[in-house]
Protein backbone atom coordinates (compact mmCIF):
# COMPACT_ATOMS: atom_id res chain seq x y z
CA MET A 1 7.14 12.75 3.08
CA VAL A 2 4.59 10.74 5.25
CA GLY A 3 2.45 14.09 5.49
CA GLN A 4 2.39 15.02 2.11
CA SER A 5 2.17 11.65 0.65
CA LEU A 6 -0.89 10.26 2.73
CA SER A 7 -3.28 11.01 0.15
CA ASN A 8 -0.82 9.74 -2.82
CA HIS A 9 -2.50 6.15 -3.54
CA GLN A 10 0.05 5.42 -6.18
CA LEU A 11 2.79 4.81 -3.42
CA VAL A 12 0.87 1.86 -2.15
CA GLU A 13 0.42 0.29 -5.83
CA LEU A 14 4.29 1.00 -6.60
CA PHE A 15 5.60 -0.15 -2.96
CA ALA A 16 7.80 -3.11 -3.29
CA PRO A 17 7.96 -5.68 -0.19
CA THR A 18 11.38 -6.30 1.23
CA LYS A 19 12.09 -8.84 4.29
CA ALA A 20 12.12 -6.17 6.42
CA ALA A 21 8.61 -4.58 5.11
CA VAL A 22 7.21 -7.94 5.34
CA THR A 23 8.59 -8.36 9.03
CA VAL A 24 6.99 -5.03 9.79
CA LEU A 25 3.71 -5.64 8.07
CA LYS A 26 3.44 -9.23 10.19
CA HIS A 27 3.94 -7.46 13.00
CA LEU A 28 1.43 -4.89 12.37
CA GLN A 29 -1.33 -7.41 11.73
CA GLN A 30 -1.10 -9.03 14.91
CA ALA A 31 -0.99 -5.88 16.59
CA VAL A 32 -3.87 -4.55 15.63
CA LEU A 33 -5.89 -7.71 16.94
CA PRO A 34 -7.89 -7.74 20.18
CA GLU A 35 -5.86 -10.31 21.68
CA ALA A 36 -2.32 -8.28 21.18
CA THR A 37 -0.80 -7.30 24.24
CA GLN A 38 -0.07 -3.55 24.79
CA GLU A 39 4.10 -4.24 24.28
CA GLN A 40 2.80 -6.02 20.65
CA ARG A 41 1.12 -2.70 19.48
CA ALA A 42 4.19 -0.59 19.64
CA LEU A 43 5.74 0.04 16.56
CA ASN A 44 9.40 1.28 15.58
CA ILE A 45 10.61 1.69 12.04
CA HIS A 46 14.42 2.44 11.67
CA GLY A 47 16.95 2.11 9.25
CA SER A 48 19.14 3.77 7.17
CA TYR A 49 18.52 6.93 4.77
CA GLY A 50 16.90 5.67 1.78
CA SER A 51 15.94 2.45 3.21
CA GLY A 52 11.87 2.89 2.47
CA LYS A 53 10.75 3.80 5.81
CA SER A 54 8.54 6.46 5.08
CA HIS A 55 7.16 5.02 1.97
CA LEU A 56 6.35 1.93 4.59
CA ALA A 57 5.04 4.14 6.72
CA VAL A 58 2.71 5.82 3.93
CA VAL A 59 1.57 2.34 3.22
CA ILE A 60 0.69 1.32 6.86
CA ALA A 61 -0.95 4.87 7.26
CA GLN A 62 -3.45 4.33 4.73
CA LEU A 63 -4.11 0.80 5.59
CA LEU A 64 -5.04 1.77 8.83
CA ARG A 65 -7.05 4.63 7.81
CA ASP A 66 -8.76 3.40 4.30
CA GLY A 67 -8.67 -0.30 4.91
CA SER A 68 -7.55 -2.83 2.26
CA GLY A 69 -10.57 -1.87 -0.19
CA GLU A 70 -8.78 0.30 -2.63
CA SER A 71 -7.31 -1.36 -5.81
CA GLU A 72 -4.09 0.13 -4.99
CA PHE A 73 -4.19 -2.60 -2.26
CA GLU A 74 -4.54 -5.45 -4.51
CA HIS A 75 -1.34 -4.33 -6.54
CA LEU A 76 0.19 -4.67 -3.30
CA PHE A 77 -1.08 -8.02 -2.55
CA GLU A 78 -0.25 -9.22 -5.85
CA ARG A 79 3.26 -8.10 -5.17
CA LEU A 80 3.44 -9.73 -1.75
CA ARG A 81 2.21 -13.10 -3.36
CA LEU A 82 4.85 -13.08 -5.83
CA PHE A 83 7.35 -12.14 -2.92
CA GLY A 84 6.09 -15.49 -1.62
CA GLU A 85 3.83 -13.76 1.27
CA ALA A 86 0.59 -14.96 0.02
CA ASP A 87 -0.64 -15.78 3.43
CA LEU A 88 0.35 -11.98 4.86
CA ALA A 89 -1.47 -10.67 1.61
CA LYS A 90 -4.79 -12.80 2.47
CA GLN A 91 -4.21 -11.48 6.40
CA LEU A 92 -3.97 -8.14 5.65
CA LYS A 93 -6.84 -8.23 3.55
CA ASN A 94 -8.88 -9.78 6.29
CA THR A 95 -7.44 -7.77 8.73
CA PHE A 96 -8.03 -4.27 7.36
CA LEU A 97 -11.45 -4.31 5.98
CA ALA A 98 -12.49 -2.00 3.07
CA ALA A 99 -14.02 1.36 4.30
CA ASP A 100 -17.31 0.31 2.75
CA ASP A 101 -17.32 -3.08 4.86
CA ALA A 102 -19.97 -3.04 7.77
CA ASP A 103 -17.43 -4.55 9.89
CA ALA A 104 -14.66 -2.15 9.20
CA LYS A 105 -12.76 -0.17 11.90
CA PRO A 106 -10.74 2.39 10.55
CA TYR A 107 -8.05 4.37 12.52
CA LEU A 108 -8.23 8.04 13.11
CA LEU A 109 -4.75 9.16 11.99
CA VAL A 110 -3.07 11.98 14.13
CA SER A 111 0.26 13.41 12.11
CA LEU A 112 2.87 15.00 14.81
CA TYR A 113 5.03 16.68 13.13
CA GLY A 114 8.21 19.12 14.48
CA SER A 115 7.08 22.56 14.91
CA GLY A 116 7.89 25.40 17.17
CA THR A 117 5.90 23.53 20.39
CA THR A 118 7.90 22.46 23.41
CA SER A 119 5.13 19.99 24.73
CA LEU A 120 4.60 16.92 23.45
CA GLY A 121 1.25 17.10 25.01
CA VAL A 122 0.29 20.24 23.03
CA LYS A 123 1.65 18.64 19.90
CA LEU A 124 -0.72 15.61 20.33
CA ILE A 125 -3.66 17.82 21.10
CA GLU A 126 -3.03 19.99 18.09
CA GLY A 127 -2.59 16.96 15.87
CA LEU A 128 -5.90 15.21 17.28
CA TYR A 129 -7.64 18.69 16.53
CA ASP A 130 -6.22 18.74 12.89
CA ALA A 131 -7.28 15.04 12.43
CA LEU A 132 -10.84 15.40 13.50
CA GLU A 133 -11.28 18.79 11.69
CA ARG A 134 -10.30 16.86 8.36
CA HIS A 135 -13.34 14.13 9.29
CA SER A 136 -16.44 16.45 8.65
CA GLU A 137 -18.93 13.68 10.62
CA LEU A 138 -16.75 14.26 13.72
CA LYS A 139 -17.09 17.60 15.84
CA PRO A 140 -14.38 18.12 17.73
CA THR A 141 -15.86 20.84 20.18
CA GLU A 142 -18.07 17.46 21.16
CA ILE A 143 -14.98 15.29 21.45
CA LEU A 144 -12.16 17.29 23.00
CA PRO A 145 -12.06 19.40 25.83
CA ILE A 146 -11.31 23.25 26.14
CA THR A 147 -7.55 23.67 25.89
CA GLU A 148 -5.27 26.49 25.41
CA TYR A 149 -4.89 25.55 21.66
CA GLU A 150 -8.72 26.30 21.25
CA VAL A 151 -8.50 29.65 22.74
CA CYS A 152 -5.58 30.75 20.67
C-alpha cells in the first residue's frame, strides 16, 4: 500500500487518529529535532492486520517529504484537535514546514520493497537511485558513486 499511496493526498485528509497513531506522531515530531538522540530517531510501527500501520506510514512519509503545507494536512490537524491533541497538531505544523517555506527541510524518501535482490545494501542503493531519479533537480551521477547497479 505505501509505495502506491505516496501520491494519494486523500489518505492524509481521511486519516483518523488513534491513541497509538498519536503516540507515533509525537515520537516522530521529537525524533526529527536536532537534539534528538540516535536512539530516538528510530521508528518501528507494528500492529495487527488492519490496524492502520500502512495508512499511518503514508501520512508520515508525506509529512516528511512534503511538509505540512498542503490543505490535506489542515484536515489532519483539525482531526487531531478534535481528538484532544491541539498541541500535537501545532507542533507537527511548526516542525514539518510547508515545502515553499524558506526554512523547510524536506526529507528524501527512499522506498525499499521486497525484490529478487539478496543484499540489503544493493536494495538500498537501488532505492536511493530511484528516489534521486524522481527529483529532476538532483543528479544521481553527481551524488552516487559508480556501482554494479549503474553498470547493469
